[in-house]
């Protein structure tokens, strides 16, 4: 919202630049999160990408990333980029619709002069298990 009016911002061009397909407009089940930090940095997961805007959506940068953002809740401060949870190596468990074993890692991005540095994944567990619909 700007000047009391809703505006539409598009990051499709930046997604195309890293060869990540944007979800279709009618895909109501597309996975994604939207988080703002204390400096009004905008972070969103869209499909297999992390989209970042340091200026409230005037410009966008995109990074290949298939993780889940730390969601800001309550009055907690978020002084930098949100942590990103990565779940990999997921295989189906027989007779289970939602649970899958996985390797669980976290990324701790940092802001740089050029955007974000995602860093290397920090391993949490090689024997994690997801209990999440829509894996």
Protein backbone atom coordinates (compact mmCIF):
# COMPACT_ATOMS: atom_id res chain seq x y z
CA UNK A 1 0.00 0.00 0.00
CA UNK A 2 1.35 3.39 -0.95
CA UNK A 3 -0.36 6.70 -0.29
CA UNK A 4 -3.41 4.83 0.98
CA UNK A 5 -3.83 2.78 -2.22
CA UNK A 6 -3.03 -0.86 -2.93
CA UNK A 7 -0.40 -1.37 -5.61
CA UNK A 8 0.69 -4.46 -7.51
CA UNK A 9 4.41 -5.26 -7.58
CA UNK A 10 5.86 -7.95 -9.84
CA UNK A 11 9.05 -9.90 -9.38
CA UNK A 12 8.49 -12.22 -12.36
CA UNK A 13 11.37 -10.70 -14.36
CA UNK A 14 13.88 -11.34 -11.59
CA UNK A 15 12.60 -14.92 -11.18
CA UNK A 16 13.06 -15.47 -14.90
CA UNK A 17 16.62 -14.10 -14.66
CA UNK A 18 17.61 -17.00 -12.38
CA UNK A 19 15.52 -19.47 -14.41
CA UNK A 20 12.94 -20.10 -11.69
CA UNK A 21 9.36 -20.41 -12.88
CA UNK A 22 6.90 -18.21 -11.06
CA UNK A 23 3.76 -19.99 -9.86
CA UNK A 24 0.75 -19.59 -12.13
CA UNK A 25 -1.67 -16.82 -11.14
CA UNK A 26 -4.44 -19.33 -10.47
CA UNK A 27 -2.23 -21.57 -8.30
CA UNK A 28 -3.91 -21.01 -4.93
CA UNK A 29 -1.75 -23.73 -3.34
CA UNK A 30 1.62 -22.19 -4.21
CA UNK A 31 3.97 -22.39 -1.23
CA UNK A 32 5.53 -19.21 0.08
CA UNK A 33 6.18 -16.89 2.99
CA UNK A 34 6.53 -13.13 3.25
CA UNK A 35 8.66 -11.51 5.98
CA UNK A 36 9.78 -7.93 6.66
CA UNK A 37 12.81 -7.17 8.81
CA UNK A 38 13.23 -4.17 11.12
CA UNK A 39 14.84 -2.15 8.28
CA UNK A 40 11.84 -2.84 5.98
CA UNK A 41 13.73 -5.42 3.94
CA UNK A 42 11.18 -7.65 2.17
CA UNK A 43 11.85 -11.39 1.88
CA UNK A 44 9.58 -13.88 0.13
CA UNK A 45 9.80 -17.47 -0.95
CA UNK A 46 8.19 -17.99 -4.31
CA UNK A 47 8.39 -21.45 -5.81
CA UNK A 48 12.06 -22.45 -5.68
CA UNK A 49 13.37 -18.91 -5.08
CA UNK A 50 14.07 -16.44 -2.32
CA UNK A 51 13.10 -12.93 -3.42
CA UNK A 52 14.61 -9.95 -1.61
CA UNK A 53 13.81 -6.25 -1.83
CA UNK A 54 15.82 -3.75 0.22
CA UNK A 55 13.44 -0.92 -0.73
CA UNK A 56 9.89 -2.17 -0.04
CA UNK A 57 9.37 -3.65 -3.49
CA UNK A 58 10.80 -0.95 -5.74
CA UNK A 59 13.52 -3.38 -6.84
CA UNK A 60 13.89 -7.14 -6.42
CA UNK A 61 16.74 -9.63 -6.31
CA UNK A 62 16.21 -13.39 -6.55
CA UNK A 63 18.26 -16.33 -5.33
CA UNK A 64 17.71 -20.04 -6.05
CA UNK A 65 16.49 -21.41 -2.72
CA UNK A 66 13.87 -23.99 -1.83
CA UNK A 67 13.62 -23.31 1.87
CA UNK A 68 11.12 -21.99 4.40
CA UNK A 69 11.57 -18.56 6.00
CA UNK A 70 11.69 -17.88 9.71
CA UNK A 71 8.35 -16.21 10.33
CA UNK A 72 8.31 -13.13 12.50
CA UNK A 73 5.82 -13.45 15.34
CA UNK A 74 4.75 -11.22 18.17
CA UNK A 75 6.99 -8.28 19.00
CA UNK A 76 10.27 -10.08 18.30
CA UNK A 77 12.95 -8.01 16.61
CA UNK A 78 14.23 -9.18 13.25
CA UNK A 79 17.35 -7.08 12.77
CA UNK A 80 18.52 -8.92 9.64
CA UNK A 81 17.36 -11.45 7.09
CA UNK A 82 15.24 -14.33 8.40
CA UNK A 83 16.80 -17.76 8.84
CA UNK A 84 15.90 -20.28 6.14
CA UNK A 85 15.09 -23.92 6.92
CA UNK A 86 16.13 -26.43 4.25
CA UNK A 87 14.68 -29.94 4.04
CA UNK A 88 16.38 -32.27 1.57
CA UNK A 89 16.57 -35.95 0.68
CA UNK A 90 12.88 -36.47 1.39
CA UNK A 91 11.52 -39.90 0.50
CA UNK A 92 8.08 -41.30 1.16
CA UNK A 93 7.41 -43.48 4.16
CA UNK A 94 5.18 -46.42 3.33
CA UNK A 95 1.60 -45.94 4.55
CA UNK A 96 2.19 -42.29 5.52
CA UNK A 97 0.64 -39.43 3.61
CA UNK A 98 2.45 -36.53 5.35
CA UNK A 99 5.58 -37.77 7.14
CA UNK A 100 8.90 -38.05 5.31
CA UNK A 101 12.47 -38.45 6.59
CA UNK A 102 14.83 -35.67 5.60
CA UNK A 103 18.12 -33.93 6.14
CA UNK A 104 17.36 -30.71 8.03
CA UNK A 105 19.64 -27.66 7.67
CA UNK A 106 19.45 -23.93 8.23
CA UNK A 107 20.82 -20.99 6.25
CA UNK A 108 21.64 -17.73 8.04
CA UNK A 109 21.73 -15.08 5.28
CA UNK A 110 23.50 -11.76 5.74
CA UNK A 111 23.01 -8.45 3.98
CA UNK A 112 25.84 -7.27 1.73
CA UNK A 113 26.37 -4.13 -0.33
CA UNK A 114 25.10 -6.07 -3.37
CA UNK A 115 22.14 -7.85 -1.75
CA UNK A 116 22.27 -11.07 0.27
CA UNK A 117 24.88 -13.71 0.98
CA UNK A 118 23.07 -16.96 1.73
CA UNK A 119 26.12 -18.74 3.16
CA UNK A 120 26.50 -22.47 3.56
CA UNK A 121 23.82 -24.70 5.10
CA UNK A 122 24.36 -25.56 8.77
CA UNK A 123 23.37 -29.18 9.40
CA UNK A 124 20.81 -29.67 12.15
CA UNK A 125 19.98 -33.35 11.62
CA UNK A 126 20.53 -36.08 9.06
CA UNK A 127 17.55 -37.90 10.55
CA UNK A 128 14.81 -35.29 10.59
CA UNK A 129 11.21 -36.05 9.83
CA UNK A 130 8.69 -33.70 8.28
CA UNK A 131 5.05 -33.70 9.23
CA UNK A 132 3.88 -31.07 6.82
CA UNK A 133 1.20 -31.16 4.14
CA UNK A 134 2.25 -30.07 0.67
CA UNK A 135 5.91 -31.04 0.97
